[in-house]
Each structure stands twice: as C-alpha cells, then as structure tokens.
Amino acid sequence: MFTIPTDLSVFSVAGLTDLFNVATKELRTLRASVDAATATDEQAERVTELHAFTVSVKNEIGKRNDRI
C-alpha cells in the first residue's frame, strides 16, 4: 500500500509526478475491486484519501509551473 506523504514541498516535480502515478494506479485498482455497495469503511476512506492526494499533487505541480 502506498504511503501518502504529508509534505509535498520536499519533492521535485518529477518526484511528485511519480507519486501521482503510484497513487493513481492504486486508486484505479481499488475502485475496480469494489463498488459502493460492497466497499468497507476502510476502502471508502482509502479511495477518499488517494483522490484528495492526487488533487493536491496536481495543484502543487500547477503552482510550481506557474512560477516558471
């Protein structure tokens, strides 16, 4: 299971992109294995956490690209 980092500032854009890809892969796999009727609370929470992380990474990369 992918460990979601709390501080994105320590990663380069390339590193953030790699983390985004790993999180997205886990998210897709998890979503494919459950549905709303069969998901446990833990699975639903993990989907939410992974989704929030991918949004945060996109925003962080966007902010950095805006500085260029």
Protein backbone atom coordinates (compact mmCIF):
# COMPACT_ATOMS: atom_id res chain seq x y z
CA MET A 1 0.00 0.00 0.00
CA PHE A 2 1.25 3.45 -0.98
CA THR A 3 2.11 5.73 1.95
CA ILE A 4 0.70 9.18 1.33
CA PRO A 5 3.26 11.87 2.21
CA THR A 6 2.09 14.91 4.14
CA ASP A 7 4.71 17.39 2.93
CA LEU A 8 4.79 17.79 -0.83
CA SER A 9 7.33 20.60 -0.72
CA VAL A 10 10.22 18.16 -0.28
CA PHE A 11 9.62 16.55 -3.68
CA SER A 12 10.67 17.73 -7.12
CA VAL A 13 8.09 17.96 -9.90
CA ALA A 14 9.43 14.66 -11.24
CA GLY A 15 9.06 13.10 -7.80
CA LEU A 16 5.54 14.45 -7.46
CA THR A 17 4.68 13.04 -10.86
CA ASP A 18 5.96 9.63 -9.79
CA LEU A 19 3.93 9.78 -6.55
CA PHE A 20 0.87 10.85 -8.53
CA ASN A 21 1.26 7.87 -10.85
CA VAL A 22 1.63 5.41 -7.95
CA ALA A 23 -1.39 6.85 -6.14
CA THR A 24 -3.47 6.86 -9.32
CA LYS A 25 -2.62 3.23 -10.02
CA GLU A 26 -3.66 2.19 -6.50
CA LEU A 27 -6.83 4.27 -6.76
CA ARG A 28 -7.81 2.68 -10.07
CA THR A 29 -7.12 -0.80 -8.72
CA LEU A 30 -9.14 -0.15 -5.59
CA ARG A 31 -12.05 1.36 -7.49
CA ALA A 32 -12.09 -1.61 -9.87
CA SER A 33 -12.24 -4.09 -6.99
CA VAL A 34 -15.17 -2.58 -5.06
CA ASP A 35 -18.37 -0.69 -5.59
CA ALA A 36 -20.46 1.49 -3.30
CA ALA A 37 -22.47 -1.48 -2.08
CA THR A 38 -19.51 -3.72 -1.24
CA ALA A 39 -16.84 -1.26 -0.10
CA THR A 40 -15.79 -1.42 3.52
CA ASP A 41 -15.40 1.79 5.50
CA GLU A 42 -11.62 1.40 5.22
CA GLN A 43 -11.77 1.00 1.44
CA ALA A 44 -14.04 4.01 1.07
CA GLU A 45 -11.73 6.07 3.28
CA ARG A 46 -8.70 4.98 1.25
CA VAL A 47 -10.40 5.99 -2.01
CA THR A 48 -11.12 9.41 -0.50
CA GLU A 49 -7.54 9.80 0.76
CA LEU A 50 -5.99 8.78 -2.55
CA HIS A 51 -8.29 11.06 -4.51
CA ALA A 52 -7.52 14.01 -2.23
CA PHE A 53 -3.80 13.31 -2.57
CA THR A 54 -3.92 13.25 -6.38
CA VAL A 55 -5.78 16.57 -6.38
CA SER A 56 -3.19 18.05 -4.00
CA VAL A 57 -0.33 16.85 -6.20
CA LYS A 58 -1.93 18.34 -9.32
CA ASN A 59 -2.36 21.65 -7.50
CA GLU A 60 1.24 21.61 -6.23
CA ILE A 61 2.63 20.90 -9.70
CA GLY A 62 0.41 23.63 -11.14
CA LYS A 63 1.65 26.19 -8.60
CA ARG A 64 5.25 25.33 -9.37
CA ASN A 65 4.69 25.57 -13.10
CA ASP A 66 3.03 28.97 -12.65
CA ARG A 67 6.24 30.27 -11.04
CA ILE A 68 8.25 29.49 -14.17
